N, C-alpha and C. Protein backbone atom coordinates (compact mmCIF):
# COMPACT_ATOMS: atom_id res chain seq x y z
N MET A 1 37.46 -4.21 13.99
CA MET A 1 36.13 -4.65 14.28
C MET A 1 36.18 -5.78 15.31
N TYR A 2 37.13 -6.70 15.15
CA TYR A 2 37.25 -7.79 16.12
C TYR A 2 37.63 -7.24 17.50
N LEU A 3 38.46 -6.19 17.51
CA LEU A 3 38.86 -5.57 18.77
C LEU A 3 37.64 -5.03 19.49
N LEU A 4 36.77 -4.38 18.75
CA LEU A 4 35.57 -3.83 19.35
C LEU A 4 34.68 -4.94 19.91
N SER A 5 34.51 -6.00 19.15
CA SER A 5 33.71 -7.13 19.63
C SER A 5 34.33 -7.72 20.89
N PHE A 6 35.65 -7.86 20.92
CA PHE A 6 36.33 -8.37 22.10
C PHE A 6 36.12 -7.45 23.29
N LEU A 7 36.30 -6.14 23.06
CA LEU A 7 36.17 -5.19 24.16
C LEU A 7 34.74 -5.15 24.69
N TRP A 8 33.78 -5.31 23.83
CA TRP A 8 32.39 -5.28 24.27
C TRP A 8 32.07 -6.53 25.10
N GLY A 9 32.86 -7.56 24.95
CA GLY A 9 32.63 -8.79 25.70
C GLY A 9 33.40 -8.84 27.00
N CYS A 10 34.12 -7.79 27.37
CA CYS A 10 34.90 -7.77 28.59
C CYS A 10 34.01 -7.89 29.82
N SER A 11 34.58 -8.39 30.87
CA SER A 11 33.81 -8.58 32.10
C SER A 11 33.68 -7.28 32.88
N ASN A 12 32.77 -7.28 33.85
CA ASN A 12 32.57 -6.11 34.70
C ASN A 12 33.81 -5.84 35.55
N ALA A 13 34.64 -6.84 35.74
CA ALA A 13 35.85 -6.65 36.54
C ALA A 13 36.78 -5.63 35.89
N GLN A 14 36.65 -5.45 34.61
CA GLN A 14 37.49 -4.46 33.92
C GLN A 14 36.75 -3.14 33.75
N LYS A 15 35.79 -2.85 34.62
CA LYS A 15 35.04 -1.59 34.65
C LYS A 15 34.25 -1.36 33.37
N ASP A 16 33.94 -2.41 32.64
CA ASP A 16 33.19 -2.26 31.39
C ASP A 16 33.92 -1.32 30.44
N VAL A 17 35.24 -1.44 30.40
CA VAL A 17 36.10 -0.54 29.63
C VAL A 17 36.12 -0.94 28.16
N VAL A 18 35.93 0.05 27.31
CA VAL A 18 36.02 -0.15 25.87
C VAL A 18 37.44 0.15 25.41
N VAL A 19 38.02 1.23 25.96
CA VAL A 19 39.38 1.61 25.59
C VAL A 19 40.01 2.37 26.76
N GLN A 20 41.32 2.27 26.83
CA GLN A 20 42.07 2.95 27.88
C GLN A 20 43.22 3.70 27.24
N TYR A 21 43.47 4.93 27.73
CA TYR A 21 44.65 5.68 27.37
C TYR A 21 45.30 6.09 28.68
N LYS A 22 46.45 5.53 28.96
CA LYS A 22 47.14 5.75 30.23
C LYS A 22 46.17 5.47 31.38
N ASP A 23 45.88 6.49 32.20
CA ASP A 23 44.98 6.24 33.33
C ASP A 23 43.55 6.70 33.07
N LYS A 24 43.20 6.95 31.82
CA LYS A 24 41.85 7.38 31.43
C LYS A 24 41.13 6.22 30.76
N TYR A 25 39.84 6.11 31.03
CA TYR A 25 39.05 5.01 30.51
C TYR A 25 37.79 5.51 29.82
N LEU A 26 37.43 4.86 28.74
CA LEU A 26 36.15 5.09 28.10
C LEU A 26 35.33 3.83 28.30
N SER A 27 34.24 3.95 29.04
CA SER A 27 33.40 2.80 29.32
C SER A 27 32.41 2.57 28.18
N ARG A 28 31.75 1.43 28.22
CA ARG A 28 30.72 1.13 27.23
C ARG A 28 29.60 2.18 27.34
N ALA A 29 29.21 2.52 28.56
CA ALA A 29 28.16 3.52 28.76
C ALA A 29 28.61 4.87 28.19
N GLY A 30 29.89 5.22 28.42
CA GLY A 30 30.42 6.47 27.88
C GLY A 30 30.39 6.47 26.37
N LEU A 31 30.77 5.35 25.77
CA LEU A 31 30.75 5.24 24.31
C LEU A 31 29.32 5.38 23.80
N LEU A 32 28.39 4.69 24.43
CA LEU A 32 27.00 4.76 23.99
C LEU A 32 26.45 6.17 24.10
N SER A 33 26.88 6.91 25.12
CA SER A 33 26.40 8.29 25.27
C SER A 33 26.95 9.20 24.17
N LEU A 34 28.05 8.82 23.55
CA LEU A 34 28.65 9.61 22.48
C LEU A 34 28.12 9.23 21.09
N MET A 35 27.40 8.11 21.03
CA MET A 35 26.86 7.66 19.74
C MET A 35 25.73 8.59 19.32
N PRO A 36 25.63 8.89 18.02
CA PRO A 36 24.52 9.73 17.56
C PRO A 36 23.19 9.01 17.76
N GLN A 37 22.12 9.76 17.82
CA GLN A 37 20.80 9.19 18.07
C GLN A 37 20.26 8.44 16.85
N ASP A 38 20.66 8.86 15.67
CA ASP A 38 20.02 8.36 14.45
C ASP A 38 20.92 7.46 13.59
N TYR A 39 21.73 6.62 14.22
CA TYR A 39 22.60 5.75 13.43
C TYR A 39 21.88 4.44 13.12
N SER A 40 22.27 3.84 12.01
CA SER A 40 21.69 2.55 11.65
C SER A 40 22.55 1.45 12.29
N PRO A 41 21.93 0.36 12.67
CA PRO A 41 22.70 -0.74 13.27
C PRO A 41 23.85 -1.22 12.39
N SER A 42 23.67 -1.15 11.07
CA SER A 42 24.74 -1.61 10.18
C SER A 42 25.96 -0.68 10.24
N ASP A 43 25.74 0.58 10.63
CA ASP A 43 26.83 1.54 10.72
C ASP A 43 27.42 1.65 12.12
N SER A 44 26.81 0.98 13.09
CA SER A 44 27.19 1.20 14.49
C SER A 44 28.64 0.86 14.79
N ALA A 45 29.17 -0.21 14.22
CA ALA A 45 30.56 -0.59 14.50
C ALA A 45 31.53 0.46 13.94
N ASP A 46 31.26 0.94 12.73
CA ASP A 46 32.12 1.98 12.14
C ASP A 46 32.04 3.28 12.94
N ILE A 47 30.84 3.66 13.33
CA ILE A 47 30.66 4.89 14.11
C ILE A 47 31.37 4.75 15.45
N ALA A 48 31.21 3.60 16.10
CA ALA A 48 31.86 3.36 17.39
C ALA A 48 33.38 3.44 17.25
N GLN A 49 33.93 2.86 16.20
CA GLN A 49 35.38 2.91 15.98
C GLN A 49 35.85 4.35 15.78
N GLN A 50 35.08 5.14 15.06
CA GLN A 50 35.44 6.55 14.85
C GLN A 50 35.41 7.32 16.17
N ILE A 51 34.41 7.05 16.98
CA ILE A 51 34.30 7.73 18.27
C ILE A 51 35.45 7.32 19.18
N ILE A 52 35.76 6.05 19.19
CA ILE A 52 36.88 5.56 20.02
C ILE A 52 38.18 6.20 19.56
N GLN A 53 38.43 6.24 18.26
CA GLN A 53 39.65 6.84 17.73
C GLN A 53 39.72 8.31 18.10
N HIS A 54 38.60 9.02 17.98
CA HIS A 54 38.56 10.43 18.34
C HIS A 54 38.85 10.61 19.84
N TRP A 55 38.28 9.77 20.67
CA TRP A 55 38.50 9.83 22.11
C TRP A 55 39.98 9.63 22.44
N ILE A 56 40.60 8.62 21.81
CA ILE A 56 42.02 8.35 22.03
C ILE A 56 42.86 9.57 21.63
N GLU A 57 42.56 10.15 20.46
CA GLU A 57 43.31 11.32 20.00
C GLU A 57 43.12 12.52 20.93
N MET A 58 41.91 12.71 21.44
CA MET A 58 41.66 13.82 22.37
C MET A 58 42.43 13.61 23.68
N GLU A 59 42.45 12.41 24.18
CA GLU A 59 43.20 12.13 25.41
C GLU A 59 44.70 12.33 25.18
N TRP A 60 45.19 11.93 24.01
CA TRP A 60 46.60 12.13 23.67
C TRP A 60 46.91 13.62 23.62
N ARG A 61 46.01 14.41 22.98
CA ARG A 61 46.22 15.86 22.90
C ARG A 61 46.24 16.49 24.29
N LYS A 62 45.31 16.07 25.14
CA LYS A 62 45.29 16.59 26.52
C LYS A 62 46.61 16.27 27.22
N ASP A 63 47.09 15.05 27.03
CA ASP A 63 48.33 14.61 27.64
C ASP A 63 49.51 15.43 27.14
N GLN A 64 49.57 15.68 25.84
CA GLN A 64 50.68 16.42 25.25
C GLN A 64 50.68 17.88 25.69
N SER A 65 49.50 18.45 25.88
CA SER A 65 49.41 19.87 26.17
C SER A 65 49.16 20.19 27.65
N ALA A 66 49.22 19.20 28.50
CA ALA A 66 48.88 19.38 29.92
C ALA A 66 49.75 20.42 30.61
N HIS A 67 50.98 20.56 30.21
CA HIS A 67 51.91 21.45 30.91
C HIS A 67 52.19 22.75 30.15
N VAL A 68 51.41 22.99 29.12
CA VAL A 68 51.59 24.20 28.32
C VAL A 68 50.74 25.32 28.92
N GLU A 69 51.37 26.45 29.11
CA GLU A 69 50.66 27.61 29.63
C GLU A 69 50.02 28.38 28.46
N LEU A 70 48.80 28.82 28.65
CA LEU A 70 48.13 29.61 27.63
C LEU A 70 48.53 31.08 27.76
N SER A 71 48.62 31.74 26.64
CA SER A 71 48.87 33.18 26.66
C SER A 71 47.61 33.89 27.14
N VAL A 72 47.73 35.14 27.51
CA VAL A 72 46.57 35.93 27.93
C VAL A 72 45.54 35.97 26.80
N GLU A 73 46.03 36.15 25.58
CA GLU A 73 45.14 36.18 24.42
C GLU A 73 44.39 34.86 24.28
N ASN A 74 45.09 33.73 24.47
CA ASN A 74 44.44 32.42 24.39
C ASN A 74 43.42 32.24 25.51
N GLU A 75 43.73 32.73 26.70
CA GLU A 75 42.78 32.65 27.82
C GLU A 75 41.51 33.40 27.49
N ILE A 76 41.64 34.58 26.89
CA ILE A 76 40.48 35.38 26.51
C ILE A 76 39.68 34.66 25.43
N GLN A 77 40.38 34.09 24.45
CA GLN A 77 39.70 33.34 23.39
C GLN A 77 38.94 32.14 23.98
N LEU A 78 39.56 31.47 24.93
CA LEU A 78 38.93 30.32 25.56
C LEU A 78 37.67 30.74 26.33
N GLU A 79 37.77 31.84 27.06
CA GLU A 79 36.60 32.36 27.78
C GLU A 79 35.49 32.76 26.80
N ASP A 80 35.87 33.41 25.70
CA ASP A 80 34.88 33.81 24.69
C ASP A 80 34.20 32.58 24.10
N TYR A 81 34.99 31.56 23.79
CA TYR A 81 34.44 30.33 23.20
C TYR A 81 33.51 29.63 24.19
N GLU A 82 33.94 29.55 25.44
CA GLU A 82 33.11 28.92 26.47
C GLU A 82 31.79 29.68 26.61
N GLN A 83 31.85 31.00 26.63
CA GLN A 83 30.63 31.80 26.75
C GLN A 83 29.73 31.61 25.54
N ALA A 84 30.33 31.54 24.36
CA ALA A 84 29.53 31.33 23.14
C ALA A 84 28.83 29.98 23.19
N LEU A 85 29.51 28.94 23.66
CA LEU A 85 28.88 27.61 23.78
C LEU A 85 27.75 27.64 24.79
N LYS A 86 27.97 28.27 25.94
CA LYS A 86 26.93 28.37 26.95
C LYS A 86 25.73 29.14 26.42
N PHE A 87 25.99 30.26 25.73
CA PHE A 87 24.90 31.05 25.18
C PHE A 87 24.12 30.25 24.14
N GLN A 88 24.82 29.50 23.29
CA GLN A 88 24.14 28.69 22.27
C GLN A 88 23.25 27.64 22.94
N ASN A 89 23.75 27.01 24.01
CA ASN A 89 22.93 26.03 24.73
C ASN A 89 21.72 26.69 25.36
N TRP A 90 21.92 27.86 25.97
CA TRP A 90 20.80 28.60 26.56
C TRP A 90 19.79 28.95 25.48
N LYS A 91 20.28 29.47 24.35
CA LYS A 91 19.41 29.90 23.25
C LYS A 91 18.59 28.72 22.73
N ASN A 92 19.22 27.57 22.55
CA ASN A 92 18.50 26.39 22.07
C ASN A 92 17.40 25.99 23.04
N GLN A 93 17.71 26.01 24.33
CA GLN A 93 16.72 25.66 25.34
C GLN A 93 15.60 26.69 25.36
N PHE A 94 15.94 27.96 25.36
CA PHE A 94 14.97 29.05 25.38
C PHE A 94 14.04 28.95 24.18
N LEU A 95 14.62 28.73 22.99
CA LEU A 95 13.80 28.64 21.78
C LEU A 95 12.90 27.41 21.79
N SER A 96 13.40 26.31 22.34
CA SER A 96 12.56 25.11 22.38
C SER A 96 11.34 25.33 23.27
N GLU A 97 11.46 26.21 24.25
CA GLU A 97 10.33 26.52 25.13
C GLU A 97 9.39 27.56 24.50
N LYS A 98 9.91 28.48 23.72
CA LYS A 98 9.14 29.63 23.24
C LYS A 98 8.68 29.55 21.78
N LEU A 99 9.37 28.76 20.97
CA LEU A 99 9.14 28.78 19.53
C LEU A 99 7.87 28.02 19.14
N ASP A 100 7.00 28.69 18.42
CA ASP A 100 5.82 28.05 17.84
C ASP A 100 6.24 27.49 16.49
N THR A 101 6.29 26.18 16.37
CA THR A 101 6.77 25.55 15.14
C THR A 101 5.64 25.22 14.16
N LEU A 102 4.40 25.47 14.56
CA LEU A 102 3.28 25.22 13.67
C LEU A 102 3.20 26.33 12.63
N ILE A 103 3.29 25.95 11.38
CA ILE A 103 3.20 26.91 10.28
C ILE A 103 2.13 26.39 9.33
N THR A 104 1.12 27.19 9.15
CA THR A 104 0.00 26.78 8.31
C THR A 104 0.27 27.10 6.84
N ASN A 105 -0.51 26.49 5.98
CA ASN A 105 -0.41 26.79 4.55
C ASN A 105 -0.77 28.24 4.28
N ASP A 106 -1.71 28.79 5.06
CA ASP A 106 -2.07 30.20 4.89
C ASP A 106 -0.87 31.10 5.18
N GLN A 107 -0.10 30.77 6.20
CA GLN A 107 1.09 31.56 6.53
C GLN A 107 2.13 31.47 5.42
N ILE A 108 2.28 30.29 4.84
CA ILE A 108 3.22 30.13 3.72
C ILE A 108 2.78 30.98 2.54
N GLN A 109 1.46 30.97 2.23
CA GLN A 109 0.94 31.77 1.13
C GLN A 109 1.12 33.26 1.41
N GLU A 110 0.93 33.66 2.67
CA GLU A 110 1.12 35.06 3.05
C GLU A 110 2.57 35.48 2.81
N TRP A 111 3.52 34.62 3.19
CA TRP A 111 4.94 34.93 2.95
C TRP A 111 5.22 35.03 1.45
N ARG A 112 4.62 34.13 0.68
CA ARG A 112 4.81 34.18 -0.78
C ARG A 112 4.29 35.51 -1.34
N MET A 113 3.12 35.94 -0.88
CA MET A 113 2.54 37.19 -1.38
C MET A 113 3.37 38.39 -0.95
N LEU A 114 3.84 38.41 0.30
CA LEU A 114 4.62 39.55 0.80
C LEU A 114 5.96 39.69 0.09
N SER A 115 6.52 38.56 -0.32
CA SER A 115 7.85 38.61 -0.94
C SER A 115 7.79 38.71 -2.45
N GLY A 116 6.62 38.65 -3.01
CA GLY A 116 6.50 38.72 -4.47
C GLY A 116 7.01 37.44 -5.10
N ASP A 117 7.68 37.55 -6.21
CA ASP A 117 8.15 36.38 -6.96
C ASP A 117 9.38 35.73 -6.35
N SER A 118 10.03 36.41 -5.41
CA SER A 118 11.32 35.91 -4.93
C SER A 118 11.22 34.57 -4.20
N LEU A 119 10.07 34.24 -3.60
CA LEU A 119 9.94 32.96 -2.89
C LEU A 119 9.23 31.89 -3.71
N ASN A 120 8.78 32.22 -4.89
CA ASN A 120 8.04 31.24 -5.70
C ASN A 120 8.89 30.05 -6.11
N LYS A 121 10.18 30.24 -6.20
CA LYS A 121 11.05 29.12 -6.61
C LYS A 121 11.35 28.15 -5.46
N PHE A 122 10.94 28.50 -4.24
CA PHE A 122 11.22 27.66 -3.08
C PHE A 122 10.02 26.77 -2.74
N SER A 123 10.32 25.59 -2.22
CA SER A 123 9.27 24.67 -1.80
C SER A 123 8.65 25.16 -0.49
N SER A 124 7.51 24.60 -0.16
CA SER A 124 6.84 24.96 1.10
C SER A 124 7.72 24.64 2.30
N SER A 125 8.43 23.52 2.26
CA SER A 125 9.30 23.17 3.40
C SER A 125 10.46 24.15 3.54
N GLN A 126 10.97 24.65 2.43
CA GLN A 126 12.03 25.66 2.49
C GLN A 126 11.51 26.98 3.06
N ILE A 127 10.30 27.34 2.68
CA ILE A 127 9.70 28.57 3.21
C ILE A 127 9.41 28.40 4.70
N LYS A 128 8.99 27.20 5.11
CA LYS A 128 8.77 26.95 6.55
C LYS A 128 10.07 27.19 7.32
N GLU A 129 11.19 26.76 6.77
CA GLU A 129 12.49 26.97 7.43
C GLU A 129 12.80 28.46 7.55
N VAL A 130 12.48 29.22 6.51
CA VAL A 130 12.69 30.67 6.55
C VAL A 130 11.81 31.30 7.63
N ILE A 131 10.56 30.88 7.68
CA ILE A 131 9.63 31.41 8.68
C ILE A 131 10.12 31.07 10.09
N LEU A 132 10.53 29.80 10.29
CA LEU A 132 11.03 29.39 11.61
C LEU A 132 12.27 30.19 12.01
N GLN A 133 13.19 30.39 11.07
CA GLN A 133 14.40 31.16 11.38
C GLN A 133 14.05 32.59 11.72
N SER A 134 13.09 33.15 11.01
CA SER A 134 12.64 34.51 11.30
C SER A 134 12.03 34.58 12.69
N ARG A 135 11.22 33.61 13.03
CA ARG A 135 10.62 33.57 14.38
C ARG A 135 11.70 33.45 15.45
N LYS A 136 12.68 32.58 15.21
CA LYS A 136 13.78 32.42 16.18
C LYS A 136 14.50 33.74 16.39
N ASN A 137 14.85 34.39 15.29
CA ASN A 137 15.57 35.67 15.38
C ASN A 137 14.74 36.71 16.13
N ASN A 138 13.45 36.77 15.85
CA ASN A 138 12.58 37.74 16.53
C ASN A 138 12.46 37.45 18.01
N ILE A 139 12.33 36.18 18.38
CA ILE A 139 12.20 35.82 19.80
C ILE A 139 13.45 36.24 20.57
N ILE A 140 14.62 35.89 20.04
CA ILE A 140 15.87 36.23 20.72
C ILE A 140 16.07 37.74 20.75
N SER A 141 15.84 38.41 19.63
CA SER A 141 16.02 39.85 19.57
C SER A 141 15.09 40.58 20.54
N ASP A 142 13.82 40.19 20.55
CA ASP A 142 12.86 40.82 21.46
C ASP A 142 13.24 40.58 22.91
N PHE A 143 13.62 39.35 23.24
CA PHE A 143 13.99 39.04 24.62
C PHE A 143 15.22 39.83 25.04
N MET A 144 16.21 39.91 24.15
CA MET A 144 17.43 40.65 24.47
C MET A 144 17.11 42.13 24.68
N SER A 145 16.30 42.71 23.80
CA SER A 145 15.92 44.12 23.94
C SER A 145 15.23 44.37 25.28
N GLN A 146 14.26 43.53 25.59
CA GLN A 146 13.52 43.68 26.85
C GLN A 146 14.45 43.53 28.05
N SER A 147 15.32 42.54 28.00
CA SER A 147 16.23 42.29 29.12
C SER A 147 17.20 43.45 29.32
N LEU A 148 17.73 43.99 28.22
CA LEU A 148 18.67 45.10 28.33
C LEU A 148 17.97 46.38 28.78
N GLN A 149 16.75 46.59 28.33
CA GLN A 149 15.99 47.75 28.80
C GLN A 149 15.74 47.64 30.30
N GLN A 150 15.38 46.45 30.75
CA GLN A 150 15.15 46.24 32.18
C GLN A 150 16.45 46.44 32.97
N ALA A 151 17.55 45.97 32.43
CA ALA A 151 18.85 46.12 33.09
C ALA A 151 19.22 47.60 33.21
N GLU A 152 18.90 48.39 32.20
CA GLU A 152 19.16 49.84 32.27
C GLU A 152 18.28 50.49 33.33
N LYS A 153 17.00 50.08 33.38
CA LYS A 153 16.07 50.65 34.36
C LYS A 153 16.49 50.34 35.79
N ASP A 154 16.93 49.09 36.01
CA ASP A 154 17.26 48.71 37.40
C ASP A 154 18.70 49.05 37.79
N GLY A 155 19.44 49.68 36.88
CA GLY A 155 20.79 50.14 37.21
C GLY A 155 21.87 49.09 37.02
N SER A 156 21.55 47.96 36.42
CA SER A 156 22.57 46.93 36.19
C SER A 156 23.58 47.37 35.13
N ILE A 157 23.15 48.26 34.26
CA ILE A 157 24.06 48.79 33.24
C ILE A 157 24.37 50.22 33.60
N LYS A 158 25.65 50.50 33.73
CA LYS A 158 26.11 51.86 34.06
C LYS A 158 27.12 52.28 33.00
N ARG A 159 26.83 53.35 32.34
CA ARG A 159 27.72 53.86 31.30
C ARG A 159 28.55 55.01 31.87
N ALA A 160 29.76 55.11 31.40
CA ALA A 160 30.66 56.19 31.87
C ALA A 160 30.02 57.54 31.55
N GLY A 161 30.06 58.43 32.52
CA GLY A 161 29.56 59.78 32.32
C GLY A 161 28.08 59.94 32.62
N GLU A 162 27.37 58.85 32.85
CA GLU A 162 25.94 58.94 33.16
C GLU A 162 25.74 58.92 34.67
N THR A 163 24.77 59.66 35.13
CA THR A 163 24.43 59.62 36.55
C THR A 163 22.96 59.24 36.67
N LYS A 164 22.65 58.53 37.72
CA LYS A 164 21.26 58.13 37.96
C LYS A 164 20.87 58.45 39.35
């Protein structure tokens, strides 16, 4: 804790550095950008220390593995993981633009009636989550269907043995 207080008091001449690993630096601004949005001030020093420790360990891992070649299988896994992250970010952005999050009490009652007794044990907020998840799934599914149909129409998708 004293180390953190000392580092936060460093001058601008030291690039506002919180921690250094070899030739890599984590600045105060970098640390603040990694802090969660909803932390309490009483927890901030502990959270900052955890983030700093994680950063140091990640830099050490990068350093240790810098000269290791990935297998073809690992390269494919890495590409798949990168694509999954990009898709998740796209999906979150797309849903934030398209998702209607307003759910009325009438809609909750309608869901209760349609499902019979199976939803009676759940609170209204739990049912709202179910409705929102259903809406999310429908938005993505509908958009994907429409996009793939359009891709087939415009020739972006070509299947073996088909002629157009």
